C-alpha atoms as a PDB file:
ATOM      1  CA  MET A   1     101.622  96.477 108.236  1.00  0.00           C
ATOM      2  CA  LEU A   2     104.799  96.297 105.938  1.00  0.00           C
ATOM      3  CA  VAL A   3     105.651  93.582 103.689  1.00  0.00           C
ATOM      4  CA  VAL A   4     109.433  93.167 103.428  1.00  0.00           C
ATOM      5  CA  GLY A   5     111.739  90.338 101.945  1.00  0.00           C
ATOM      6  CA  SER A   6     111.494  88.982  98.515  1.00  0.00           C
ATOM      7  CA  THR A   7     108.229  90.341  97.683  1.00  0.00           C
ATOM      8  CA  ALA A   8     109.065  93.605  98.606  1.00  0.00           C
ATOM      9  CA  LEU A   9     112.010  93.352  96.811  1.00  0.00           C
ATOM     10  CA  ARG A  10     110.351  92.322  93.689  1.00  0.00           C
ATOM     11  CA  GLN A  11     108.317  95.488  93.901  1.00  0.00           C
ATOM     12  CA  HIS A  12     111.279  97.412  93.486  1.00  0.00           C
ATOM     13  CA  VAL A  13     113.272  95.178  90.999  1.00  0.00           C
ATOM     14  CA  PRO A  14     110.866  93.176  89.295  1.00  0.00           C
ATOM     15  CA  SER A  15     113.752  90.945  87.608  1.00  0.00           C
ATOM     16  CA  THR A  16     114.432  89.467  90.854  1.00  0.00           C
ATOM     17  CA  ARG A  17     113.394  85.961  91.340  1.00  0.00           C
ATOM     18  CA  HIS A  18     109.863  84.843  92.371  1.00  0.00           C
ATOM     19  CA  PRO A  19     109.162  85.208  95.824  1.00  0.00           C
ATOM     20  CA  LYS A  20     108.593  81.730  97.300  1.00  0.00           C
ATOM     21  CA  ASP A  21     106.991  83.020 100.599  1.00  0.00           C
ATOM     22  CA  LEU A  22     105.330  86.330 101.788  1.00  0.00           C
ATOM     23  CA  ASP A  23     106.980  88.114 104.750  1.00  0.00           C
ATOM     24  CA  ILE A  24     105.052  90.752 106.791  1.00  0.00           C
ATOM     25  CA  ILE A  25     105.958  93.311 109.835  1.00  0.00           C
ATOM     26  CA  CYS A  26     102.850  93.905 112.030  1.00  0.00           C
ATOM     27  CA  THR A  27     101.432  94.004 115.685  1.00  0.00           C
ATOM     28  CA  ILE A  28     100.269  91.279 117.147  1.00  0.00           C
ATOM     29  CA  GLU A  29      96.365  92.898 116.987  1.00  0.00           C
ATOM     30  CA  GLU A  30      97.395  93.267 113.244  1.00  0.00           C
ATOM     31  CA  ALA A  31      98.589  89.578 112.828  1.00  0.00           C
ATOM     32  CA  ASP A  32      95.473  87.904 114.628  1.00  0.00           C
ATOM     33  CA  GLU A  33      93.135  90.112 112.392  1.00  0.00           C
ATOM     34  CA  TYR A  34      95.106  88.868 109.126  1.00  0.00           C
ATOM     35  CA  VAL A  35      95.033  85.140 110.347  1.00  0.00           C
ATOM     36  CA  ARG A  36      91.125  85.685 110.873  1.00  0.00           C
ATOM     37  CA  SER A  37      90.797  87.143 107.265  1.00  0.00           C
ATOM     38  CA  LEU A  38      92.690  84.011 106.055  1.00  0.00           C
ATOM     39  CA  GLY A  39      90.111  82.036 106.672  1.00  0.00           C
ATOM     40  CA  HIS A  40      91.194  78.158 106.579  1.00  0.00           C
ATOM     41  CA  VAL A  41      95.018  77.683 106.713  1.00  0.00           C
ATOM     42  CA  ASP A  42      96.757  74.361 106.281  1.00  0.00           C
ATOM     43  CA  SER A  43      98.689  75.115 109.175  1.00  0.00           C
ATOM     44  CA  ILE A  44      99.980  77.813 111.686  1.00  0.00           C
ATOM     45  CA  ARG A  45     102.701  77.817 114.101  1.00  0.00           C
ATOM     46  CA  LYS A  46     103.158  80.740 116.535  1.00  0.00           C
ATOM     47  CA  ASP A  47     105.973  81.597 118.689  1.00  0.00           C
ATOM     48  CA  GLU A  48     106.731  84.802 120.626  1.00  0.00           C
ATOM     49  CA  TYR A  49     108.508  86.304 117.513  1.00  0.00           C
ATOM     50  CA  CYS A  50     106.370  85.284 114.646  1.00  0.00           C
ATOM     51  CA  TYR A  51     103.202  83.528 113.459  1.00  0.00           C
ATOM     52  CA  HIS A  52     104.444  80.713 110.725  1.00  0.00           C
ATOM     53  CA  ILE A  53     101.586  80.154 108.153  1.00  0.00           C
ATOM     54  CA  VAL A  54     101.119  77.631 105.653  1.00  0.00           C
ATOM     55  CA  LYS A  55      97.988  78.523 102.991  1.00  0.00           C
ATOM     56  CA  ASP A  56      97.413  76.681  99.656  1.00  0.00           C
ATOM     57  CA  ARG A  57     101.200  75.661 100.236  1.00  0.00           C
ATOM     58  CA  LYS A  58     102.185  79.143 100.617  1.00  0.00           C
ATOM     59  CA  SER A  59     104.314  80.042 103.381  1.00  0.00           C
ATOM     60  CA  ILE A  60     103.402  83.409 105.156  1.00  0.00           C
ATOM     61  CA  GLU A  61     105.498  84.991 108.027  1.00  0.00           C
ATOM     62  CA  LEU A  62     104.034  87.633 110.395  1.00  0.00           C
ATOM     63  CA  PHE A  63     106.775  89.011 112.478  1.00  0.00           C
ATOM     64  CA  LEU A  64     105.672  90.663 115.413  1.00  0.00           C
ATOM     65  CA  ALA A  65     106.442  94.221 115.960  1.00  0.00           C
ATOM     66  CA  ARG A  66     106.408  94.883 119.870  1.00  0.00           C
ATOM     67  CA  GLU A  67     106.477  98.379 121.320  1.00  0.00           C
ATOM     68  CA  GLY A  68     110.229  99.608 121.496  1.00  0.00           C
ATOM     69  CA  SER A  69     111.269  97.060 119.339  1.00  0.00           C
ATOM     70  CA  ALA A  70     113.379  97.751 116.016  1.00  0.00           C
ATOM     71  CA  LEU A  71     110.303  96.203 114.151  1.00  0.00           C
ATOM     72  CA  MET A  72     108.259  98.790 115.623  1.00  0.00           C
ATOM     73  CA  ASP A  73     110.185 101.669 114.487  1.00  0.00           C
ATOM     74  CA  TYR A  74     109.992 100.302 111.158  1.00  0.00           C
ATOM     75  CA  LEU A  75     106.213 100.545 111.376  1.00  0.00           C
ATOM     76  CA  TYR A  76     106.281 103.490 112.740  1.00  0.00           C
ATOM     77  CA  MET A  77     107.721 105.174 109.678  1.00  0.00           C
ATOM     78  CA  TYR A  78     104.821 104.299 107.606  1.00  0.00           C
ATOM     79  CA  ASP A  79     100.765 104.715 108.247  1.00  0.00           C
ATOM     80  CA  ASP A  80      99.362 102.579 105.335  1.00  0.00           C
ATOM     81  CA  ILE A  81      97.379  99.534 106.135  1.00  0.00           C
ATOM     82  CA  LEU A  82      99.481  97.366 103.983  1.00  0.00           C
ATOM     83  CA  GLU A  83     102.435  98.909 102.402  1.00  0.00           C
ATOM     84  CA  TYR A  84     105.893  97.507 100.582  1.00  0.00           C
ATOM     85  CA  ALA A  85     109.014  98.193 102.519  1.00  0.00           C
ATOM     86  CA  PRO A  86     111.356 100.799 100.869  1.00  0.00           C
ATOM     87  CA  LEU A  87     114.889  99.748 100.008  1.00  0.00           C
ATOM     88  CA  ASN A  88     116.539 101.556 102.749  1.00  0.00           C
ATOM     89  CA  VAL A  89     114.233  99.184 105.352  1.00  0.00           C
ATOM     90  CA  LEU A  90     114.866  96.074 103.403  1.00  0.00           C
ATOM     91  CA  TYR A  91     118.624  96.799 103.590  1.00  0.00           C
ATOM     92  CA  SER A  92     118.586  97.535 106.929  1.00  0.00           C
ATOM     93  CA  MET A  93     116.904  94.198 108.054  1.00  0.00           C
ATOM     94  CA  LYS A  94     119.548  92.148 105.689  1.00  0.00           C
ATOM     95  CA  LEU A  95     122.492  93.915 107.305  1.00  0.00           C
ATOM     96  CA  SER A  96     121.375  93.256 110.651  1.00  0.00           C
ATOM     97  CA  HIS A  97     121.265  89.512 110.262  1.00  0.00           C
ATOM     98  CA  ILE A  98     123.396  88.360 107.068  1.00  0.00           C
ATOM     99  CA  HIS A  99     126.001  87.224 109.419  1.00  0.00           C
ATOM    100  CA  TYR A 100     124.346  84.279 110.916  1.00  0.00           C
ATOM    101  CA  PRO A 101     124.624  81.191 109.641  1.00  0.00           C
ATOM    102  CA  THR A 102     122.004  79.564 107.498  1.00  0.00           C
ATOM    103  CA  LYS A 103     121.681  76.720 104.919  1.00  0.00           C
ATOM    104  CA  MET A 104     123.925  77.582 101.925  1.00  0.00           C
ATOM    105  CA  HIS A 105     121.245  78.027  99.310  1.00  0.00           C
ATOM    106  CA  ARG A 106     119.641  80.294 101.630  1.00  0.00           C
ATOM    107  CA  PHE A 107     122.891  82.045 102.505  1.00  0.00           C
ATOM    108  CA  GLU A 108     123.386  82.594  98.500  1.00  0.00           C
ATOM    109  CA  LYS A 109     119.929  84.014  98.114  1.00  0.00           C
ATOM    110  CA  HIS A 110     120.541  86.457 101.116  1.00  0.00           C
ATOM    111  CA  VAL A 111     123.966  87.711  99.910  1.00  0.00           C
ATOM    112  CA  ARG A 112     122.789  88.163  96.326  1.00  0.00           C
ATOM    113  CA  ASP A 113     119.576  90.249  97.817  1.00  0.00           C
ATOM    114  CA  LEU A 114     121.934  91.937  99.731  1.00  0.00           C
ATOM    115  CA  CYS A 115     124.278  92.828  96.738  1.00  0.00           C
ATOM    116  CA  VAL A 116     121.410  94.119  94.440  1.00  0.00           C
ATOM    117  CA  ILE A 117     119.778  96.461  97.493  1.00  0.00           C
ATOM    118  CA  HIS A 118     123.420  97.648  98.220  1.00  0.00           C
ATOM    119  CA  GLU A 119     124.013  98.745  94.582  1.00  0.00           C
ATOM    120  CA  MET A 120     120.336 100.705  94.591  1.00  0.00           C
ATOM    121  CA  VAL A 121     120.972 102.379  97.915  1.00  0.00           C
ATOM    122  CA  GLY A 122     124.674 103.096  97.452  1.00  0.00           C
ATOM    123  CA  GLY A 123     125.829 101.474 100.452  1.00  0.00           C
ATOM    124  CA  MET A 124     124.196 103.717 102.583  1.00  0.00           C
ATOM    125  CA  ASP A 125     122.299 102.447 105.630  1.00  0.00           C
ATOM    126  CA  VAL A 126     120.474 105.508 106.501  1.00  0.00           C
ATOM    127  CA  LEU A 127     118.718 103.462 109.288  1.00  0.00           C
ATOM    128  CA  LYS A 128     121.853 102.884 111.336  1.00  0.00           C
ATOM    129  CA  ASP A 129     120.394 103.155 114.540  1.00  0.00           C
ATOM    130  CA  ILE A 130     117.555 100.720 113.819  1.00  0.00           C
ATOM    131  CA  THR A 131     119.750  98.213 112.061  1.00  0.00           C
ATOM    132  CA  GLN A 132     122.160  98.116 115.211  1.00  0.00           C
ATOM    133  CA  LYS A 133     119.065  97.831 117.327  1.00  0.00           C
ATOM    134  CA  LEU A 134     117.856  95.233 115.314  1.00  0.00           C
ATOM    135  CA  VAL A 135     121.538  93.333 115.581  1.00  0.00           C
ATOM    136  CA  VAL A 136     121.107  93.420 119.267  1.00  0.00           C
ATOM    137  CA  GLU A 137     117.365  91.934 118.977  1.00  0.00           C
ATOM    138  CA  THR A 138     118.310  89.298 116.877  1.00  0.00           C
ATOM    139  CA  GLU A 139     121.517  88.090 118.802  1.00  0.00           C
ATOM    140  CA  ALA A 140     119.228  88.020 121.835  1.00  0.00           C
ATOM    141  CA  ARG A 141     116.737  85.658 120.246  1.00  0.00           C
ATOM    142  CA  LEU A 142     119.515  83.508 118.121  1.00  0.00           C
ATOM    143  CA  GLY A 143     122.303  83.955 120.510  1.00  0.00           C
ATOM    144  CA  LYS A 144     125.765  85.817 119.810  1.00  0.00           C
ATOM    145  CA  ILE A 145     128.115  84.911 116.823  1.00  0.00           C
ATOM    146  CA  ARG A 146     131.141  83.036 118.274  1.00  0.00           C
ATOM    147  CA  THR A 147     134.094  84.781 116.979  1.00  0.00           C
ATOM    148  CA  PRO A 148     136.525  81.688 115.360  1.00  0.00           C
ATOM    149  CA  LYS A 149     139.158  80.483 117.136  1.00  0.00           C
ATOM    150  CA  LEU A 150     142.390  80.935 114.696  1.00  0.00           C
ATOM    151  CA  THR A 151     144.582  78.895 117.082  1.00  0.00           C
ATOM    152  CA  LYS A 152     143.429  75.754 115.428  1.00  0.00           C
ATOM    153  CA  SER A 153     144.954  73.687 112.901  1.00  0.00           C
ATOM    154  CA  SER A 154     143.767  74.755 109.250  1.00  0.00           C
ATOM    155  CA  LYS A 155     142.040  70.874 109.082  1.00  0.00           C
ATOM    156  CA  ASP A 156     140.258  71.445 112.489  1.00  0.00           C
ATOM    157  CA  PHE A 157     139.097  75.223 111.705  1.00  0.00           C
ATOM    158  CA  PHE A 158     137.436  74.159 108.271  1.00  0.00           C
ATOM    159  CA  GLU A 159     136.097  70.843 109.488  1.00  0.00           C
ATOM    160  CA  GLN A 160     133.593  72.493 112.035  1.00  0.00           C
ATOM    161  CA  SER A 161     132.172  73.961 108.969  1.00  0.00           C
ATOM    162  CA  LYS A 162     132.065  71.159 106.566  1.00  0.00           C
ATOM    163  CA  ASN A 163     128.194  70.910 106.678  1.00  0.00           C
ATOM    164  CA  ARG A 164     127.493  74.697 105.879  1.00  0.00           C
ATOM    165  CA  VAL A 165     130.369  75.305 103.292  1.00  0.00           C
ATOM    166  CA  VAL A 166     131.449  73.619 100.303  1.00  0.00           C
ATOM    167  CA  SER A 167     135.340  73.330 100.219  1.00  0.00           C
ATOM    168  CA  VAL A 168     136.765  73.686  96.826  1.00  0.00           C
ATOM    169  CA  PHE A 169     140.326  74.465  97.278  1.00  0.00           C
ATOM    170  CA  ILE A 170     142.562  74.073 100.406  1.00  0.00           C
ATOM    171  CA  HIS A 171     142.312  77.633 102.132  1.00  0.00           C
ATOM    172  CA  ASP A 172     146.019  78.051 102.797  1.00  0.00           C
ATOM    173  CA  SER A 173     147.049  77.439  99.297  1.00  0.00           C
ATOM    174  CA  ILE A 174     145.258  80.141  98.200  1.00  0.00           C
ATOM    175  CA  HIS A 175     146.929  82.437 100.482  1.00  0.00           C
ATOM    176  CA  ARG A 176     150.336  80.763  99.268  1.00  0.00           C
ATOM    177  CA  ALA A 177     149.196  81.363  95.744  1.00  0.00           C
ATOM    178  CA  MET A 178     148.513  85.355  96.427  1.00  0.00           C
ATOM    179  CA  ALA A 179     151.594  85.440  98.091  1.00  0.00           C
ATOM    180  CA  ARG A 180     153.874  85.005  95.069  1.00  0.00           C
END
């Protein structure tokens, strides 16, 4: 089992924010055993990718590593019963899904984490093959990111993202100002 996410990051960078949840990569068998070891839980929801658990108002996500998957590749790198993921694994995982849309506060958190990890690993993804494999798996699970249509008017282009992006400036005015 491999602890990932902000809990693992805090092991490497104690000054980072206090984790609000616990994320663990594990096999289905390990997930089932872990759930049994928890005893009473407030809630549990299972899907084919993850067990979403709430215990004592704390969120726990068990990401299920299946044979041949990128998550299993991460697990094969370690043999301890429960270990904190090293920075190269956290970097690989962040890179694999950073471009997926999410709520703004979560996006900012992800970008801050990615920047911290990027600096610490010198911008080197030493697990490129696993990262790319996880990108493909994430696309299969969440769908492929649509390429923006640049043939739209500026107003229509930015209007489509108004629920996810806070607009402070009219975008084209930034280009005009920079061109001067």
